[in-house]
Amino acid sequence: MIRPYYVDNFGTDLTVDLVLYDASANITTNETEAVTREYTITLWKLLEGVTATRIVAVRNTNALITAYSPQEVQVSSMPLRGNF
């Protein structure tokens, strides 16, 4: 659901990784034991002019949301020779 939105509106793909934690804060693969879910969303393109000044949790008002930004944006160097 989130991928088509970013592809259509921003022209970038993304990955979503989910880690489940049990009541002892240990990583688990069992959905029924999970009490905490941690999603990591990675965009594969820098979005010019777009910021994370407001993030909305739709289904859970008790969610803790933390947004991390890279300290430095890495841009590829132009090739010195070759066909473009």
PDB file of N, CA and C in Angstrom:
ATOM      1  N   MET A   1       0.812  -1.185   0.000  1.00  0.00           N
ATOM      2  CA  MET A   1       0.000   0.000   0.000  1.00  0.00           C
ATOM      3  C   MET A   1       0.869   1.267   0.000  1.00  0.00           C
ATOM      4  N   ILE A   2       1.978   1.254   0.727  1.00  0.00           N
ATOM      5  CA  ILE A   2       2.839   2.433   0.788  1.00  0.00           C
ATOM      6  C   ILE A   2       3.721   2.553  -0.460  1.00  0.00           C
ATOM      7  N   ARG A   3       4.146   1.410  -1.035  1.00  0.00           N
ATOM      8  CA  ARG A   3       5.024   1.444  -2.216  1.00  0.00           C
ATOM      9  C   ARG A   3       4.382   2.156  -3.397  1.00  0.00           C
ATOM     10  N   PRO A   4       3.155   1.799  -3.796  1.00  0.00           N
ATOM     11  CA  PRO A   4       2.559   2.490  -4.947  1.00  0.00           C
ATOM     12  C   PRO A   4       2.438   3.998  -4.740  1.00  0.00           C
ATOM     13  N   TYR A   5       2.179   4.430  -3.516  1.00  0.00           N
ATOM     14  CA  TYR A   5       2.076   5.859  -3.229  1.00  0.00           C
ATOM     15  C   TYR A   5       3.393   6.573  -3.535  1.00  0.00           C
ATOM     16  N   TYR A   6       4.494   6.036  -3.059  1.00  0.00           N
ATOM     17  CA  TYR A   6       5.792   6.677  -3.294  1.00  0.00           C
ATOM     18  C   TYR A   6       6.239   6.568  -4.745  1.00  0.00           C
ATOM     19  N   VAL A   7       5.954   5.442  -5.386  1.00  0.00           N
ATOM     20  CA  VAL A   7       6.308   5.298  -6.799  1.00  0.00           C
ATOM     21  C   VAL A   7       5.507   6.291  -7.637  1.00  0.00           C
ATOM     22  N   ASP A   8       4.200   6.379  -7.423  1.00  0.00           N
ATOM     23  CA  ASP A   8       3.337   7.259  -8.214  1.00  0.00           C
ATOM     24  C   ASP A   8       3.577   8.743  -7.938  1.00  0.00           C
ATOM     25  N   ASN A   9       3.792   9.111  -6.677  1.00  0.00           N
ATOM     26  CA  ASN A   9       3.888  10.521  -6.313  1.00  0.00           C
ATOM     27  C   ASN A   9       5.303  11.086  -6.295  1.00  0.00           C
ATOM     28  N   PHE A  10       6.292  10.225  -6.068  1.00  0.00           N
ATOM     29  CA  PHE A  10       7.657  10.719  -5.940  1.00  0.00           C
ATOM     30  C   PHE A  10       8.642  10.040  -6.881  1.00  0.00           C
ATOM     31  N   GLY A  11       8.193   9.025  -7.592  1.00  0.00           N
ATOM     32  CA  GLY A  11       9.063   8.344  -8.547  1.00  0.00           C
ATOM     33  C   GLY A  11      10.190   7.570  -7.902  1.00  0.00           C
ATOM     34  N   THR A  12       9.982   7.071  -6.698  1.00  0.00           N
ATOM     35  CA  THR A  12      11.017   6.292  -6.024  1.00  0.00           C
ATOM     36  C   THR A  12      10.441   5.007  -5.460  1.00  0.00           C
ATOM     37  N   ASP A  13      11.253   3.975  -5.486  1.00  0.00           N
ATOM     38  CA  ASP A  13      10.864   2.729  -4.856  1.00  0.00           C
ATOM     39  C   ASP A  13      11.343   2.763  -3.409  1.00  0.00           C
ATOM     40  N   LEU A  14      10.900   1.811  -2.630  1.00  0.00           N
ATOM     41  CA  LEU A  14      11.311   1.739  -1.237  1.00  0.00           C
ATOM     42  C   LEU A  14      11.257   0.303  -0.768  1.00  0.00           C
ATOM     43  N   THR A  15      11.858   0.068   0.378  1.00  0.00           N
ATOM     44  CA  THR A  15      11.737  -1.231   1.025  1.00  0.00           C
ATOM     45  C   THR A  15      11.176  -1.019   2.418  1.00  0.00           C
ATOM     46  N   VAL A  16      10.418  -1.988   2.894  1.00  0.00           N
ATOM     47  CA  VAL A  16       9.876  -1.960   4.243  1.00  0.00           C
ATOM     48  C   VAL A  16      10.326  -3.232   4.935  1.00  0.00           C
ATOM     49  N   ASP A  17      11.049  -3.080   6.028  1.00  0.00           N
ATOM     50  CA  ASP A  17      11.507  -4.217   6.819  1.00  0.00           C
ATOM     51  C   ASP A  17      10.788  -4.191   8.160  1.00  0.00           C
ATOM     52  N   LEU A  18      10.376  -5.353   8.624  1.00  0.00           N
ATOM     53  CA  LEU A  18       9.644  -5.476   9.885  1.00  0.00           C
ATOM     54  C   LEU A  18      10.416  -6.375  10.836  1.00  0.00           C
ATOM     55  N   VAL A  19      10.590  -5.906  12.067  1.00  0.00           N
ATOM     56  CA  VAL A  19      11.187  -6.715  13.131  1.00  0.00           C
ATOM     57  C   VAL A  19      10.142  -6.822  14.238  1.00  0.00           C
ATOM     58  N   LEU A  20       9.876  -8.043  14.684  1.00  0.00           N
ATOM     59  CA  LEU A  20       8.917  -8.296  15.755  1.00  0.00           C
ATOM     60  C   LEU A  20       9.662  -8.534  17.065  1.00  0.00           C
ATOM     61  N   TYR A  21       9.121  -7.979  18.168  1.00  0.00           N
ATOM     62  CA  TYR A  21       9.709  -8.172  19.495  1.00  0.00           C
ATOM     63  C   TYR A  21       8.672  -8.772  20.429  1.00  0.00           C
ATOM     64  N   ASP A  22       9.100  -9.698  21.284  1.00  0.00           N
ATOM     65  CA  ASP A  22       8.192 -10.278  22.271  1.00  0.00           C
ATOM     66  C   ASP A  22       8.174  -9.423  23.535  1.00  0.00           C
ATOM     67  N   ALA A  23       7.472  -9.889  24.557  1.00  0.00           N
ATOM     68  CA  ALA A  23       7.317  -9.114  25.801  1.00  0.00           C
ATOM     69  C   ALA A  23       8.640  -8.883  26.522  1.00  0.00           C
ATOM     70  N   SER A  24       9.647  -9.721  26.263  1.00  0.00           N
ATOM     71  CA  SER A  24      10.967  -9.552  26.885  1.00  0.00           C
ATOM     72  C   SER A  24      11.898  -8.709  26.031  1.00  0.00           C
ATOM     73  N   ALA A  25      11.368  -8.117  24.978  1.00  0.00           N
ATOM     74  CA  ALA A  25      12.128  -7.278  24.039  1.00  0.00           C
ATOM     75  C   ALA A  25      13.133  -8.085  23.223  1.00  0.00           C
ATOM     76  N   ASN A  26      12.868  -9.373  23.072  1.00  0.00           N
ATOM     77  CA  ASN A  26      13.686 -10.216  22.213  1.00  0.00           C
ATOM     78  C   ASN A  26      13.045 -10.297  20.830  1.00  0.00           C
ATOM     79  N   ILE A  27      13.874 -10.402  19.815  1.00  0.00           N
ATOM     80  CA  ILE A  27      13.367 -10.541  18.455  1.00  0.00           C
ATOM     81  C   ILE A  27      12.689 -11.900  18.317  1.00  0.00           C
ATOM     82  N   THR A  28      11.522 -11.904  17.679  1.00  0.00           N
ATOM     83  CA  THR A  28      10.784 -13.134  17.454  1.00  0.00           C
ATOM     84  C   THR A  28      10.267 -13.168  16.022  1.00  0.00           C
ATOM     85  N   THR A  29       9.968 -14.347  15.544  1.00  0.00           N
ATOM     86  CA  THR A  29       9.338 -14.489  14.231  1.00  0.00           C
ATOM     87  C   THR A  29       7.882 -14.935  14.386  1.00  0.00           C
ATOM     88  N   ASN A  30       7.448 -15.116  15.631  1.00  0.00           N
ATOM     89  CA  ASN A  30       6.101 -15.575  15.925  1.00  0.00           C
ATOM     90  C   ASN A  30       5.166 -14.371  16.098  1.00  0.00           C
ATOM     91  N   GLU A  31       4.221 -14.225  15.174  1.00  0.00           N
ATOM     92  CA  GLU A  31       3.275 -13.102  15.210  1.00  0.00           C
ATOM     93  C   GLU A  31       2.482 -13.047  16.506  1.00  0.00           C
ATOM     94  N   THR A  32       2.097 -14.205  17.040  1.00  0.00           N
ATOM     95  CA  THR A  32       1.269 -14.208  18.251  1.00  0.00           C
ATOM     96  C   THR A  32       2.049 -13.796  19.493  1.00  0.00           C
ATOM     97  N   GLU A  33       3.361 -13.975  19.494  1.00  0.00           N
ATOM     98  CA  GLU A  33       4.198 -13.554  20.629  1.00  0.00           C
ATOM     99  C   GLU A  33       4.589 -12.081  20.539  1.00  0.00           C
ATOM    100  N   ALA A  34       4.459 -11.484  19.390  1.00  0.00           N
ATOM    101  CA  ALA A  34       4.931 -10.116  19.174  1.00  0.00           C
ATOM    102  C   ALA A  34       4.055  -9.105  19.909  1.00  0.00           C
ATOM    103  N   VAL A  35       4.714  -8.230  20.670  1.00  0.00           N
ATOM    104  CA  VAL A  35       4.013  -7.131  21.335  1.00  0.00           C
ATOM    105  C   VAL A  35       4.461  -5.779  20.783  1.00  0.00           C
ATOM    106  N   THR A  36       5.591  -5.788  20.080  1.00  0.00           N
ATOM    107  CA  THR A  36       6.116  -4.572  19.463  1.00  0.00           C
ATOM    108  C   THR A  36       6.531  -4.886  18.037  1.00  0.00           C
ATOM    109  N   ARG A  37       6.194  -3.971  17.139  1.00  0.00           N
ATOM    110  CA  ARG A  37       6.579  -4.116  15.732  1.00  0.00           C
ATOM    111  C   ARG A  37       7.388  -2.884  15.342  1.00  0.00           C
ATOM    112  N   GLU A  38       8.563  -3.127  14.764  1.00  0.00           N
ATOM    113  CA  GLU A  38       9.439  -2.029  14.339  1.00  0.00           C
ATOM    114  C   GLU A  38       9.574  -2.084  12.821  1.00  0.00           C
ATOM    115  N   TYR A  39       9.084  -1.045  12.160  1.00  0.00           N
ATOM    116  CA  TYR A  39       9.178  -0.958  10.710  1.00  0.00           C
ATOM    117  C   TYR A  39      10.308  -0.014  10.338  1.00  0.00           C
ATOM    118  N   THR A  40      11.135  -0.438   9.398  1.00  0.00           N
ATOM    119  CA  THR A  40      12.160   0.431   8.835  1.00  0.00           C
ATOM    120  C   THR A  40      11.816   0.631   7.369  1.00  0.00           C
ATOM    121  N   ILE A  41      11.560   1.878   6.994  1.00  0.00           N
ATOM    122  CA  ILE A  41      11.194   2.220   5.620  1.00  0.00           C
ATOM    123  C   ILE A  41      12.370   2.956   5.008  1.00  0.00           C
ATOM    124  N   THR A  42      12.901   2.423   3.911  1.00  0.00           N
ATOM    125  CA  THR A  42      14.056   3.007   3.246  1.00  0.00           C
ATOM    126  C   THR A  42      13.663   3.435   1.841  1.00  0.00           C
ATOM    127  N   LEU A  43      13.807   4.730   1.551  1.00  0.00           N
ATOM    128  CA  LEU A  43      13.573   5.250   0.204  1.00  0.00           C
ATOM    129  C   LEU A  43      14.858   5.123  -0.586  1.00  0.00           C
ATOM    130  N   TRP A  44      14.764   4.833  -1.881  1.00  0.00           N
ATOM    131  CA  TRP A  44      15.938   4.625  -2.711  1.00  0.00           C
ATOM    132  C   TRP A  44      16.281   5.839  -3.560  1.00  0.00           C
ATOM    133  N   LYS A  45      15.656   6.979  -3.259  1.00  0.00           N
ATOM    134  CA  LYS A  45      15.933   8.204  -3.994  1.00  0.00           C
ATOM    135  C   LYS A  45      15.756   9.379  -3.039  1.00  0.00           C
ATOM    136  N   LEU A  46      16.654  10.334  -3.112  1.00  0.00           N
ATOM    137  CA  LEU A  46      16.519  11.544  -2.312  1.00  0.00           C
ATOM    138  C   LEU A  46      15.327  12.331  -2.815  1.00  0.00           C
ATOM    139  N   LEU A  47      14.452  12.737  -1.923  1.00  0.00           N
ATOM    140  CA  LEU A  47      13.272  13.505  -2.303  1.00  0.00           C
ATOM    141  C   LEU A  47      13.544  14.980  -2.061  1.00  0.00           C
ATOM    142  N   GLU A  48      13.775  15.706  -3.120  1.00  0.00           N
ATOM    143  CA  GLU A  48      14.054  17.143  -3.029  1.00  0.00           C
ATOM    144  C   GLU A  48      12.827  17.882  -2.495  1.00  0.00           C
ATOM    145  N   GLY A  49      13.025  18.688  -1.489  1.00  0.00           N
ATOM    146  CA  GLY A  49      11.954  19.530  -0.969  1.00  0.00           C
ATOM    147  C   GLY A  49      10.941  18.814  -0.095  1.00  0.00           C
ATOM    148  N   VAL A  50      11.098  17.507   0.095  1.00  0.00           N
ATOM    149  CA  VAL A  50      10.168  16.750   0.935  1.00  0.00           C
ATOM    150  C   VAL A  50      10.829  16.517   2.282  1.00  0.00           C
ATOM    151  N   THR A  51      10.095  16.797   3.359  1.00  0.00           N
ATOM    152  CA  THR A  51      10.643  16.591   4.699  1.00  0.00           C
ATOM    153  C   THR A  51       9.690  15.742   5.520  1.00  0.00           C
ATOM    154  N   ALA A  52      10.182  15.259   6.626  1.00  0.00           N
ATOM    155  CA  ALA A  52       9.363  14.467   7.547  1.00  0.00           C
ATOM    156  C   ALA A  52       8.950  15.331   8.725  1.00  0.00           C
ATOM    157  N   THR A  53       8.357  16.484   8.441  1.00  0.00           N
ATOM    158  CA  THR A  53       7.939  17.366   9.523  1.00  0.00           C
ATOM    159  C   THR A  53       6.665  16.888  10.181  1.00  0.00           C
ATOM    160  N   ARG A  54       5.905  16.042   9.477  1.00  0.00           N
ATOM    161  CA  ARG A  54       4.687  15.502  10.069  1.00  0.00           C
ATOM    162  C   ARG A  54       4.521  14.061   9.603  1.00  0.00           C
ATOM    163  N   ILE A  55       4.469  13.154  10.540  1.00  0.00           N
ATOM    164  CA  ILE A  55       4.260  11.746  10.237  1.00  0.00           C
ATOM    165  C   ILE A  55       3.000  11.319  10.974  1.00  0.00           C
ATOM    166  N   VAL A  56       2.109  10.643  10.278  1.00  0.00           N
ATOM    167  CA  VAL A  56       0.834  10.258  10.859  1.00  0.00           C
ATOM    168  C   VAL A  56       0.784   8.750  11.043  1.00  0.00           C
ATOM    169  N   ALA A  57       0.453   8.314  12.232  1.00  0.00           N
ATOM    170  CA  ALA A  57       0.208   6.893  12.493  1.00  0.00           C
ATOM    171  C   ALA A  57      -1.285   6.673  12.335  1.00  0.00           C
ATOM    172  N   VAL A  58      -1.672   5.927  11.339  1.00  0.00           N
ATOM    173  CA  VAL A  58      -3.085   5.813  10.992  1.00  0.00           C
ATOM    174  C   VAL A  58      -3.846   4.886  11.920  1.00  0.00           C
ATOM    175  N   ARG A  59      -3.308   3.698  12.206  1.00  0.00           N
ATOM    176  CA  ARG A  59      -4.094   2.697  12.898  1.00  0.00           C
ATOM    177  C   ARG A  59      -3.810   2.581  14.389  1.00  0.00           C
ATOM    178  N   ASN A  60      -2.845   3.281  14.910  1.00  0.00           N
ATOM    179  CA  ASN A  60      -2.489   3.083  16.306  1.00  0.00           C
ATOM    180  C   ASN A  60      -2.070   4.405  16.925  1.00  0.00           C
ATOM    181  N   THR A  61      -2.881   4.957  17.787  1.00  0.00           N
ATOM    182  CA  THR A  61      -2.547   6.233  18.415  1.00  0.00           C
ATOM    183  C   THR A  61      -1.493   6.087  19.500  1.00  0.00           C
ATOM    184  N   ASN A  62      -1.162   4.851  19.891  1.00  0.00           N
ATOM    185  CA  ASN A  62      -0.132   4.619  20.905  1.00  0.00           C
ATOM    186  C   ASN A  62       1.240   4.355  20.291  1.00  0.00           C
ATOM    187  N   ALA A  63       1.369   4.530  18.989  1.00  0.00           N
ATOM    188  CA  ALA A  63       2.622   4.212  18.312  1.00  0.00           C
ATOM    189  C   ALA A  63       3.702   5.225  18.667  1.00  0.00           C
ATOM    190  N   LEU A  64       4.918   4.723  18.819  1.00  0.00           N
ATOM    191  CA  LEU A  64       6.098   5.567  18.978  1.00  0.00           C
ATOM    192  C   LEU A  64       6.754   5.634  17.608  1.00  0.00           C
ATOM    193  N   ILE A  65       6.843   6.820  17.043  1.00  0.00           N
ATOM    194  CA  ILE A  65       7.393   6.983  15.696  1.00  0.00           C
ATOM    195  C   ILE A  65       8.665   7.809  15.781  1.00  0.00           C
ATOM    196  N   THR A  66       9.739   7.267  15.233  1.00  0.00           N
ATOM    197  CA  THR A  66      11.013   7.969  15.176  1.00  0.00           C
ATOM    198  C   THR A  66      11.460   8.026  13.731  1.00  0.00           C
ATOM    199  N   ALA A  67      11.757   9.218  13.239  1.00  0.00           N
ATOM    200  CA  ALA A  67      12.228   9.380  11.868  1.00  0.00           C
ATOM    201  C   ALA A  67      13.701   9.745  11.908  1.00  0.00           C
ATOM    202  N   TYR A  68      14.506   8.990  11.183  1.00  0.00           N
ATOM    203  CA  TYR A  68      15.944   9.243  11.109  1.00  0.00           C
ATOM    204  C   TYR A  68      16.288   9.760   9.725  1.00  0.00           C
ATOM    205  N   SER A  69      17.108  10.777   9.667  1.00  0.00           N
ATOM    206  CA  SER A  69      17.593  11.299   8.396  1.00  0.00           C
ATOM    207  C   SER A  69      19.086  11.026   8.292  1.00  0.00           C
ATOM    208  N   PRO A  70      19.567  10.741   7.082  1.00  0.00           N
ATOM    209  CA  PRO A  70      21.016  10.543   6.939  1.00  0.00           C
ATOM    210  C   PRO A  70      21.755  11.841   7.230  1.00  0.00           C
ATOM    211  N   GLN A  71      22.885  11.734   7.891  1.00  0.00           N
ATOM    212  CA  GLN A  71      23.681  12.919   8.211  1.00  0.00           C
ATOM    213  C   GLN A  71      24.285  13.537   6.957  1.00  0.00           C
ATOM    214  N   GLU A  72      24.542  12.703   5.986  1.00  0.00           N
ATOM    215  CA  GLU A  72      25.195  13.186   4.768  1.00  0.00           C
ATOM    216  C   GLU A  72      24.587  12.449   3.579  1.00  0.00           C
ATOM    217  N   VAL A  73      24.227  13.180   2.566  1.00  0.00           N
ATOM    218  CA  VAL A  73      23.679  12.566   1.363  1.00  0.00           C
ATOM    219  C   VAL A  73      24.827  12.260   0.423  1.00  0.00           C
ATOM    220  N   GLN A  74      24.917  11.027  -0.018  1.00  0.00           N
ATOM    221  CA  GLN A  74      25.997  10.612  -0.897  1.00  0.00           C
ATOM    222  C   GLN A  74      25.513  10.693  -2.340  1.00  0.00           C
ATOM    223  N   VAL A  75      26.226  11.423  -3.152  1.00  0.00           N
ATOM    224  CA  VAL A  75      25.899  11.556  -4.567  1.00  0.00           C
ATOM    225  C   VAL A  75      27.014  10.906  -5.371  1.00  0.00           C
ATOM    226  N   SER A  76      26.634  10.131  -6.371  1.00  0.00           N
ATOM    227  CA  SER A  76      27.635   9.464  -7.201  1.00  0.00           C
ATOM    228  C   SER A  76      28.424  10.471  -8.017  1.00  0.00           C
ATOM    229  N   SER A  77      29.696  10.162  -8.243  1.00  0.00           N
ATOM    230  CA  SER A  77      30.533  10.995  -9.104  1.00  0.00           C
ATOM    231  C   SER A  77      30.218  10.682 -10.563  1.00  0.00           C
ATOM    232  N   MET A  78      30.376  11.663 -11.416  1.00  0.00           N
ATOM    233  CA  MET A  78      30.196  11.453 -12.847  1.00  0.00           C
ATOM    234  C   MET A  78      31.318  10.557 -13.348  1.00  0.00           C
ATOM    235  N   PRO A  79      31.020   9.625 -14.261  1.00  0.00           N
ATOM    236  CA  PRO A  79      32.081   8.798 -14.815  1.00  0.00           C
ATOM    237  C   PRO A  79      33.074   9.640 -15.628  1.00  0.00           C
ATOM    238  N   LEU A  80      34.338   9.264 -15.565  1.00  0.00           N
ATOM    239  CA  LEU A  80      35.364  10.025 -16.298  1.00  0.00           C
ATOM    240  C   LEU A  80      35.360   9.675 -17.793  1.00  0.00           C
ATOM    241  N   ARG A  81      34.893   8.486 -18.117  1.00  0.00           N
ATOM    242  CA  ARG A  81      34.823   8.107 -19.527  1.00  0.00           C
ATOM    243  C   ARG A  81      33.712   7.066 -19.681  1.00  0.00           C
ATOM    244  N   GLY A  82      33.258   6.862 -20.882  1.00  0.00           N
ATOM    245  CA  GLY A  82      32.239   5.861 -21.150  1.00  0.00           C
ATOM    246  C   GLY A  82      31.102   6.432 -21.973  1.00  0.00           C
ATOM    247  N   ASN A  83      30.163   5.591 -22.270  1.00  0.00           N
ATOM    248  CA  ASN A  83      28.990   5.988 -23.038  1.00  0.00           C
ATOM    249  C   ASN A  83      27.842   6.280 -22.085  1.00  0.00           C
ATOM    250  N   PHE A  84      27.100   7.316 -22.393  1.00  0.00           N
ATOM    251  CA  PHE A  84      25.974   7.698 -21.546  1.00  0.00           C
ATOM    252  C   PHE A  84      24.689   7.478 -22.306  1.00  0.00           C
TER     253      PHE A  84
END
